[in-house]
């Protein structure tokens, strides 16, 4: 557990290890959520990052011997 100091404008600086682990960069959006015993700080994933993550998942499972265009064309002819 790391202790963070609150600055005069209510700002806190997350340690580098945490920022890197969760992909938080300057300009990233995060949300603060009130929980029963404190505050949860959670990164908001951009639409682009969501799309990129989905693309990576699909490309890992997609058979290499057929292109997506071929698959769509074959599906349409059924």
PDB file of N, CA and C in Angstrom:
ATOM      1  N   UNK A   1       0.855  -1.182   0.000  1.00  0.00           N
ATOM      2  CA  UNK A   1       0.000   0.000   0.000  1.00  0.00           C
ATOM      3  C   UNK A   1       0.895   1.237   0.000  1.00  0.00           C
ATOM      4  N   UNK A   2       0.544   2.190  -0.809  1.00  0.00           N
ATOM      5  CA  UNK A   2       1.295   3.431  -0.917  1.00  0.00           C
ATOM      6  C   UNK A   2       0.451   4.571  -0.374  1.00  0.00           C
ATOM      7  N   UNK A   3       1.083   5.438   0.398  1.00  0.00           N
ATOM      8  CA  UNK A   3       0.388   6.632   0.893  1.00  0.00           C
ATOM      9  C   UNK A   3       0.594   7.752  -0.111  1.00  0.00           C
ATOM     10  N   UNK A   4      -0.477   8.462  -0.410  1.00  0.00           N
ATOM     11  CA  UNK A   4      -0.421   9.583  -1.336  1.00  0.00           C
ATOM     12  C   UNK A   4      -0.768  10.863  -0.591  1.00  0.00           C
ATOM     13  N   UNK A   5      -0.117  11.934  -0.971  1.00  0.00           N
ATOM     14  CA  UNK A   5      -0.379  13.232  -0.347  1.00  0.00           C
ATOM     15  C   UNK A   5      -1.281  14.044  -1.272  1.00  0.00           C
ATOM     16  N   UNK A   6      -2.282  14.667  -0.690  1.00  0.00           N
ATOM     17  CA  UNK A   6      -3.209  15.504  -1.449  1.00  0.00           C
ATOM     18  C   UNK A   6      -2.625  16.905  -1.538  1.00  0.00           C
ATOM     19  N   UNK A   7      -2.522  17.421  -2.769  1.00  0.00           N
ATOM     20  CA  UNK A   7      -1.991  18.754  -2.993  1.00  0.00           C
ATOM     21  C   UNK A   7      -3.036  19.823  -2.714  1.00  0.00           C
ATOM     22  N   UNK A   8      -2.652  21.102  -2.839  1.00  0.00           N
ATOM     23  CA  UNK A   8      -3.556  22.211  -2.516  1.00  0.00           C
ATOM     24  C   UNK A   8      -4.826  22.262  -3.372  1.00  0.00           C
ATOM     25  N   UNK A   9      -4.792  21.701  -4.564  1.00  0.00           N
ATOM     26  CA  UNK A   9      -5.978  21.697  -5.431  1.00  0.00           C
ATOM     27  C   UNK A   9      -6.711  20.360  -5.379  1.00  0.00           C
ATOM     28  N   UNK A  10      -6.389  19.523  -4.401  1.00  0.00           N
ATOM     29  CA  UNK A  10      -7.047  18.227  -4.271  1.00  0.00           C
ATOM     30  C   UNK A  10      -6.451  17.153  -5.167  1.00  0.00           C
ATOM     31  N   UNK A  11      -5.303  17.434  -5.750  1.00  0.00           N
ATOM     32  CA  UNK A  11      -4.685  16.486  -6.667  1.00  0.00           C
ATOM     33  C   UNK A  11      -3.819  15.473  -5.925  1.00  0.00           C
ATOM     34  N   UNK A  12      -3.776  14.253  -6.473  1.00  0.00           N
ATOM     35  CA  UNK A  12      -2.855  13.230  -5.983  1.00  0.00           C
ATOM     36  C   UNK A  12      -2.073  12.710  -7.190  1.00  0.00           C
ATOM     37  N   UNK A  13      -0.875  12.237  -6.952  1.00  0.00           N
ATOM     38  CA  UNK A  13      -0.064  11.667  -8.018  1.00  0.00           C
ATOM     39  C   UNK A  13       0.039  10.175  -7.801  1.00  0.00           C
ATOM     40  N   UNK A  14      -0.431   9.409  -8.778  1.00  0.00           N
ATOM     41  CA  UNK A  14      -0.342   7.957  -8.701  1.00  0.00           C
ATOM     42  C   UNK A  14       1.089   7.530  -9.019  1.00  0.00           C
ATOM     43  N   UNK A  15       1.567   6.503  -8.330  1.00  0.00           N
ATOM     44  CA  UNK A  15       2.932   6.057  -8.579  1.00  0.00           C
ATOM     45  C   UNK A  15       3.044   5.453  -9.978  1.00  0.00           C
ATOM     46  N   UNK A  16       4.246   5.517 -10.530  1.00  0.00           N
ATOM     47  CA  UNK A  16       4.501   5.083 -11.905  1.00  0.00           C
ATOM     48  C   UNK A  16       4.066   3.635 -12.136  1.00  0.00           C
ATOM     49  N   UNK A  17       4.368   2.761 -11.197  1.00  0.00           N
ATOM     50  CA  UNK A  17       4.032   1.338 -11.335  1.00  0.00           C
ATOM     51  C   UNK A  17       2.526   1.150 -11.564  1.00  0.00           C
ATOM     52  N   UNK A  18       1.712   1.869 -10.817  1.00  0.00           N
ATOM     53  CA  UNK A  18       0.249   1.777 -10.940  1.00  0.00           C
ATOM     54  C   UNK A  18      -0.219   2.386 -12.259  1.00  0.00           C
ATOM     55  N   UNK A  19       0.336   3.550 -12.620  1.00  0.00           N
ATOM     56  CA  UNK A  19      -0.052   4.193 -13.892  1.00  0.00           C
ATOM     57  C   UNK A  19       0.245   3.280 -15.072  1.00  0.00           C
ATOM     58  N   UNK A  20       1.420   2.654 -15.056  1.00  0.00           N
ATOM     59  CA  UNK A  20       1.798   1.764 -16.154  1.00  0.00           C
ATOM     60  C   UNK A  20       0.925   0.510 -16.181  1.00  0.00           C
ATOM     61  N   UNK A  21       0.658  -0.057 -15.012  1.00  0.00           N
ATOM     62  CA  UNK A  21      -0.141  -1.284 -14.929  1.00  0.00           C
ATOM     63  C   UNK A  21      -1.531  -1.084 -15.528  1.00  0.00           C
ATOM     64  N   UNK A  22      -2.130   0.085 -15.290  1.00  0.00           N
ATOM     65  CA  UNK A  22      -3.493   0.339 -15.738  1.00  0.00           C
ATOM     66  C   UNK A  22      -3.564   1.239 -16.969  1.00  0.00           C
ATOM     67  N   UNK A  23      -2.413   1.537 -17.579  1.00  0.00           N
ATOM     68  CA  UNK A  23      -2.392   2.317 -18.817  1.00  0.00           C
ATOM     69  C   UNK A  23      -2.835   3.756 -18.645  1.00  0.00           C
ATOM     70  N   UNK A  24      -2.567   4.324 -17.479  1.00  0.00           N
ATOM     71  CA  UNK A  24      -2.957   5.712 -17.219  1.00  0.00           C
ATOM     72  C   UNK A  24      -1.818   6.626 -17.655  1.00  0.00           C
ATOM     73  N   UNK A  25      -2.117   7.491 -18.617  1.00  0.00           N
ATOM     74  CA  UNK A  25      -1.138   8.424 -19.166  1.00  0.00           C
ATOM     75  C   UNK A  25      -1.655   9.843 -18.959  1.00  0.00           C
ATOM     76  N   UNK A  26      -0.786  10.852 -19.139  1.00  0.00           N
ATOM     77  CA  UNK A  26      -1.283  12.225 -19.041  1.00  0.00           C
ATOM     78  C   UNK A  26      -2.472  12.423 -19.979  1.00  0.00           C
ATOM     79  N   UNK A  27      -3.541  12.975 -19.463  1.00  0.00           N
ATOM     80  CA  UNK A  27      -4.750  13.192 -20.250  1.00  0.00           C
ATOM     81  C   UNK A  27      -5.757  12.057 -20.162  1.00  0.00           C
ATOM     82  N   UNK A  28      -5.355  10.920 -19.581  1.00  0.00           N
ATOM     83  CA  UNK A  28      -6.292   9.804 -19.421  1.00  0.00           C
ATOM     84  C   UNK A  28      -7.418  10.209 -18.484  1.00  0.00           C
ATOM     85  N   UNK A  29      -8.584   9.643 -18.721  1.00  0.00           N
ATOM     86  CA  UNK A  29      -9.717   9.897 -17.837  1.00  0.00           C
ATOM     87  C   UNK A  29      -9.811   8.784 -16.800  1.00  0.00           C
ATOM     88  N   UNK A  30     -10.113   9.174 -15.577  1.00  0.00           N
ATOM     89  CA  UNK A  30     -10.347   8.207 -14.511  1.00  0.00           C
ATOM     90  C   UNK A  30     -11.638   8.600 -13.816  1.00  0.00           C
ATOM     91  N   UNK A  31     -12.236   7.653 -13.132  1.00  0.00           N
ATOM     92  CA  UNK A  31     -13.438   7.986 -12.374  1.00  0.00           C
ATOM     93  C   UNK A  31     -13.195   7.674 -10.907  1.00  0.00           C
ATOM     94  N   UNK A  32     -13.811   8.475 -10.063  1.00  0.00           N
ATOM     95  CA  UNK A  32     -13.744   8.213  -8.628  1.00  0.00           C
ATOM     96  C   UNK A  32     -15.110   7.715  -8.191  1.00  0.00           C
ATOM     97  N   UNK A  33     -15.086   6.638  -7.438  1.00  0.00           N
ATOM     98  CA  UNK A  33     -16.325   6.009  -7.003  1.00  0.00           C
ATOM     99  C   UNK A  33     -16.309   5.928  -5.486  1.00  0.00           C
ATOM    100  N   UNK A  34     -17.355   6.461  -4.867  1.00  0.00           N
ATOM    101  CA  UNK A  34     -17.466   6.360  -3.409  1.00  0.00           C
ATOM    102  C   UNK A  34     -17.861   4.941  -3.045  1.00  0.00           C
ATOM    103  N   UNK A  35     -17.073   4.331  -2.166  1.00  0.00           N
ATOM    104  CA  UNK A  35     -17.418   3.020  -1.631  1.00  0.00           C
ATOM    105  C   UNK A  35     -17.591   3.174  -0.123  1.00  0.00           C
ATOM    106  N   UNK A  36     -18.085   2.145   0.515  1.00  0.00           N
ATOM    107  CA  UNK A  36     -18.430   2.252   1.929  1.00  0.00           C
ATOM    108  C   UNK A  36     -17.287   2.771   2.796  1.00  0.00           C
ATOM    109  N   UNK A  37     -16.086   2.301   2.544  1.00  0.00           N
ATOM    110  CA  UNK A  37     -14.983   2.677   3.427  1.00  0.00           C
ATOM    111  C   UNK A  37     -13.903   3.519   2.751  1.00  0.00           C
ATOM    112  N   UNK A  38     -14.229   4.184   1.641  1.00  0.00           N
ATOM    113  CA  UNK A  38     -13.228   5.021   0.996  1.00  0.00           C
ATOM    114  C   UNK A  38     -13.601   5.417  -0.418  1.00  0.00           C
ATOM    115  N   UNK A  39     -12.572   5.525  -1.248  1.00  0.00           N
ATOM    116  CA  UNK A  39     -12.736   5.970  -2.630  1.00  0.00           C
ATOM    117  C   UNK A  39     -12.042   4.968  -3.545  1.00  0.00           C
ATOM    118  N   UNK A  40     -12.716   4.591  -4.606  1.00  0.00           N
ATOM    119  CA  UNK A  40     -12.133   3.725  -5.624  1.00  0.00           C
ATOM    120  C   UNK A  40     -11.812   4.599  -6.826  1.00  0.00           C
ATOM    121  N   UNK A  41     -10.574   4.546  -7.287  1.00  0.00           N
ATOM    122  CA  UNK A  41     -10.165   5.292  -8.478  1.00  0.00           C
ATOM    123  C   UNK A  41      -9.986   4.274  -9.592  1.00  0.00           C
ATOM    124  N   UNK A  42     -10.704   4.488 -10.686  1.00  0.00           N
ATOM    125  CA  UNK A  42     -10.741   3.496 -11.757  1.00  0.00           C
ATOM    126  C   UNK A  42     -10.527   4.182 -13.103  1.00  0.00           C
ATOM    127  N   UNK A  43      -9.622   3.640 -13.953  1.00  0.00           N
ATOM    128  CA  UNK A  43      -9.436   4.249 -15.274  1.00  0.00           C
ATOM    129  C   UNK A  43     -10.668   4.041 -16.146  1.00  0.00           C
ATOM    130  N   UNK A  44     -10.953   5.032 -16.980  1.00  0.00           N
ATOM    131  CA  UNK A  44     -12.035   4.925 -17.958  1.00  0.00           C
ATOM    132  C   UNK A  44     -11.373   4.571 -19.281  1.00  0.00           C
ATOM    133  N   UNK A  45     -11.722   3.422 -19.815  1.00  0.00           N
ATOM    134  CA  UNK A  45     -11.110   2.966 -21.054  1.00  0.00           C
ATOM    135  C   UNK A  45     -11.727   3.714 -22.233  1.00  0.00           C
ATOM    136  N   UNK A  46     -10.880   4.299 -23.066  1.00  0.00           N
ATOM    137  CA  UNK A  46     -11.376   5.029 -24.236  1.00  0.00           C
ATOM    138  C   UNK A  46     -11.977   4.053 -25.244  1.00  0.00           C
ATOM    139  N   UNK A  47     -12.817   4.565 -26.102  1.00  0.00           N
ATOM    140  CA  UNK A  47     -13.444   3.736 -27.142  1.00  0.00           C
ATOM    141  C   UNK A  47     -12.386   3.102 -28.031  1.00  0.00           C
ATOM    142  N   UNK A  48     -11.333   3.863 -28.320  1.00  0.00           N
ATOM    143  CA  UNK A  48     -10.259   3.337 -29.166  1.00  0.00           C
ATOM    144  C   UNK A  48      -9.566   2.163 -28.486  1.00  0.00           C
ATOM    145  N   UNK A  49      -9.271   2.300 -27.192  1.00  0.00           N
ATOM    146  CA  UNK A  49      -8.607   1.208 -26.469  1.00  0.00           C
ATOM    147  C   UNK A  49      -9.510  -0.017 -26.379  1.00  0.00           C
ATOM    148  N   UNK A  50     -10.811   0.201 -26.190  1.00  0.00           N
ATOM    149  CA  UNK A  50     -11.751  -0.926 -26.163  1.00  0.00           C
ATOM    150  C   UNK A  50     -11.748  -1.643 -27.506  1.00  0.00           C
ATOM    151  N   UNK A  51     -11.797  -0.870 -28.596  1.00  0.00           N
ATOM    152  CA  UNK A  51     -11.791  -1.450 -29.932  1.00  0.00           C
ATOM    153  C   UNK A  51     -10.503  -2.224 -30.169  1.00  0.00           C
ATOM    154  N   UNK A  52      -9.375  -1.638 -29.773  1.00  0.00           N
ATOM    155  CA  UNK A  52      -8.075  -2.276 -29.965  1.00  0.00           C
ATOM    156  C   UNK A  52      -7.997  -3.589 -29.181  1.00  0.00           C
ATOM    157  N   UNK A  53      -8.489  -3.585 -27.945  1.00  0.00           N
ATOM    158  CA  UNK A  53      -8.474  -4.789 -27.104  1.00  0.00           C
ATOM    159  C   UNK A  53      -9.351  -5.874 -27.731  1.00  0.00           C
ATOM    160  N   UNK A  54     -10.519  -5.486 -28.222  1.00  0.00           N
ATOM    161  CA  UNK A  54     -11.419  -6.433 -28.876  1.00  0.00           C
ATOM    162  C   UNK A  54     -10.780  -7.007 -30.139  1.00  0.00           C
ATOM    163  N   UNK A  55     -10.148  -6.145 -30.916  1.00  0.00           N
ATOM    164  CA  UNK A  55      -9.474  -6.577 -32.141  1.00  0.00           C
ATOM    165  C   UNK A  55      -8.391  -7.601 -31.825  1.00  0.00           C
ATOM    166  N   UNK A  56      -7.622  -7.368 -30.766  1.00  0.00           N
ATOM    167  CA  UNK A  56      -6.564  -8.303 -30.378  1.00  0.00           C
ATOM    168  C   UNK A  56      -7.148  -9.658 -29.973  1.00  0.00           C
ATOM    169  N   UNK A  57      -8.262  -9.634 -29.244  1.00  0.00           N
ATOM    170  CA  UNK A  57      -8.902 -10.891 -28.837  1.00  0.00           C
ATOM    171  C   UNK A  57      -9.391 -11.673 -30.049  1.00  0.00           C
ATOM    172  N   UNK A  58     -10.046 -10.970 -30.977  1.00  0.00           N
ATOM    173  CA  UNK A  58     -10.595 -11.626 -32.161  1.00  0.00           C
ATOM    174  C   UNK A  58      -9.469 -12.164 -33.039  1.00  0.00           C
ATOM    175  N   UNK A  59      -8.412 -11.386 -33.223  1.00  0.00           N
ATOM    176  CA  UNK A  59      -7.332 -11.818 -34.120  1.00  0.00           C
ATOM    177  C   UNK A  59      -6.600 -13.040 -33.578  1.00  0.00           C
ATOM    178  N   UNK A  60      -6.588 -13.226 -32.266  1.00  0.00           N
ATOM    179  CA  UNK A  60      -5.951 -14.410 -31.687  1.00  0.00           C
ATOM    180  C   UNK A  60      -6.764 -15.664 -31.994  1.00  0.00           C
ATOM    181  N   UNK A  61      -8.084 -15.527 -32.082  1.00  0.00           N
ATOM    182  CA  UNK A  61      -8.965 -16.666 -32.297  1.00  0.00           C
ATOM    183  C   UNK A  61      -9.310 -16.879 -33.769  1.00  0.00           C
ATOM    184  N   UNK A  62      -9.037 -15.894 -34.606  1.00  0.00           N
ATOM    185  CA  UNK A  62      -9.420 -15.972 -36.011  1.00  0.00           C
ATOM    186  C   UNK A  62      -8.496 -16.947 -36.735  1.00  0.00           C
ATOM    187  N   UNK A  63      -9.045 -17.872 -37.501  1.00  0.00           N
ATOM    188  CA  UNK A  63      -8.202 -18.825 -38.239  1.00  0.00           C
ATOM    189  C   UNK A  63      -7.337 -18.098 -39.270  1.00  0.00           C
ATOM    190  N   UNK A  64      -6.081 -18.459 -39.344  1.00  0.00           N
ATOM    191  CA  UNK A  64      -5.152 -17.745 -40.228  1.00  0.00           C
ATOM    192  C   UNK A  64      -5.339 -18.091 -41.705  1.00  0.00           C
ATOM    193  N   UNK A  65      -6.002 -19.206 -41.987  1.00  0.00           N
ATOM    194  CA  UNK A  65      -6.133 -19.627 -43.385  1.00  0.00           C
ATOM    195  C   UNK A  65      -7.268 -18.935 -44.139  1.00  0.00           C
ATOM    196  N   UNK A  66      -8.058 -18.105 -43.472  1.00  0.00           N
ATOM    197  CA  UNK A  66      -9.169 -17.416 -44.137  1.00  0.00           C
ATOM    198  C   UNK A  66      -9.216 -15.954 -43.679  1.00  0.00           C
ATOM    199  N   UNK A  67      -9.447 -15.057 -44.628  1.00  0.00           N
ATOM    200  CA  UNK A  67      -9.538 -13.638 -44.275  1.00  0.00           C
ATOM    201  C   UNK A  67     -10.959 -13.320 -43.818  1.00  0.00           C
ATOM    202  N   UNK A  68     -11.100 -12.212 -43.141  1.00  0.00           N
ATOM    203  CA  UNK A  68     -12.432 -11.808 -42.684  1.00  0.00           C
ATOM    204  C   UNK A  68     -13.356 -11.538 -43.871  1.00  0.00           C
ATOM    205  N   UNK A  69     -12.808 -10.995 -44.946  1.00  0.00           N
ATOM    206  CA  UNK A  69     -13.603 -10.718 -46.149  1.00  0.00           C
ATOM    207  C   UNK A  69     -14.128 -12.027 -46.737  1.00  0.00           C
ATOM    208  N   UNK A  70     -13.253 -13.033 -46.820  1.00  0.00           N
ATOM    209  CA  UNK A  70     -13.674 -14.338 -47.344  1.00  0.00           C
ATOM    210  C   UNK A  70     -14.773 -14.945 -46.472  1.00  0.00           C
ATOM    211  N   UNK A  71     -14.610 -14.852 -45.165  1.00  0.00           N
ATOM    212  CA  UNK A  71     -15.594 -15.421 -44.236  1.00  0.00           C
ATOM    213  C   UNK A  71     -16.954 -14.762 -44.414  1.00  0.00           C
ATOM    214  N   UNK A  72     -16.960 -13.447 -44.576  1.00  0.00           N
ATOM    215  CA  UNK A  72     -18.223 -12.718 -44.763  1.00  0.00           C
ATOM    216  C   UNK A  72     -18.864 -13.115 -46.090  1.00  0.00           C
ATOM    217  N   UNK A  73     -18.040 -13.192 -47.144  1.00  0.00           N
ATOM    218  CA  UNK A  73     -18.572 -13.573 -48.457  1.00  0.00           C
ATOM    219  C   UNK A  73     -19.163 -14.979 -48.420  1.00  0.00           C
ATOM    220  N   UNK A  74     -18.467 -15.906 -47.771  1.00  0.00           N
ATOM    221  CA  UNK A  74     -18.966 -17.276 -47.665  1.00  0.00           C
ATOM    222  C   UNK A  74     -20.259 -17.330 -46.860  1.00  0.00           C
ATOM    223  N   UNK A  75     -20.311 -16.544 -45.800  1.00  0.00           N
ATOM    224  CA  UNK A  75     -21.503 -16.524 -44.954  1.00  0.00           C
ATOM    225  C   UNK A  75     -22.707 -15.970 -45.714  1.00  0.00           C
ATOM    226  N   UNK A  76     -22.471 -14.983 -46.555  1.00  0.00           N
ATOM    227  CA  UNK A  76     -23.563 -14.367 -47.319  1.00  0.00           C
ATOM    228  C   UNK A  76     -24.112 -15.297 -48.394  1.00  0.00           C
ATOM    229  N   UNK A  77     -23.297 -16.227 -48.879  1.00  0.00           N
ATOM    230  CA  UNK A  77     -23.753 -17.138 -49.931  1.00  0.00           C
ATOM    231  C   UNK A  77     -24.494 -18.349 -49.375  1.00  0.00           C
ATOM    232  N   UNK A  78     -24.521 -18.502 -48.080  1.00  0.00           N
ATOM    233  CA  UNK A  78     -25.224 -19.639 -47.452  1.00  0.00           C
ATOM    234  C   UNK A  78     -26.714 -19.439 -47.465  1.00  0.00           C
TER     235      UNK A  78
END
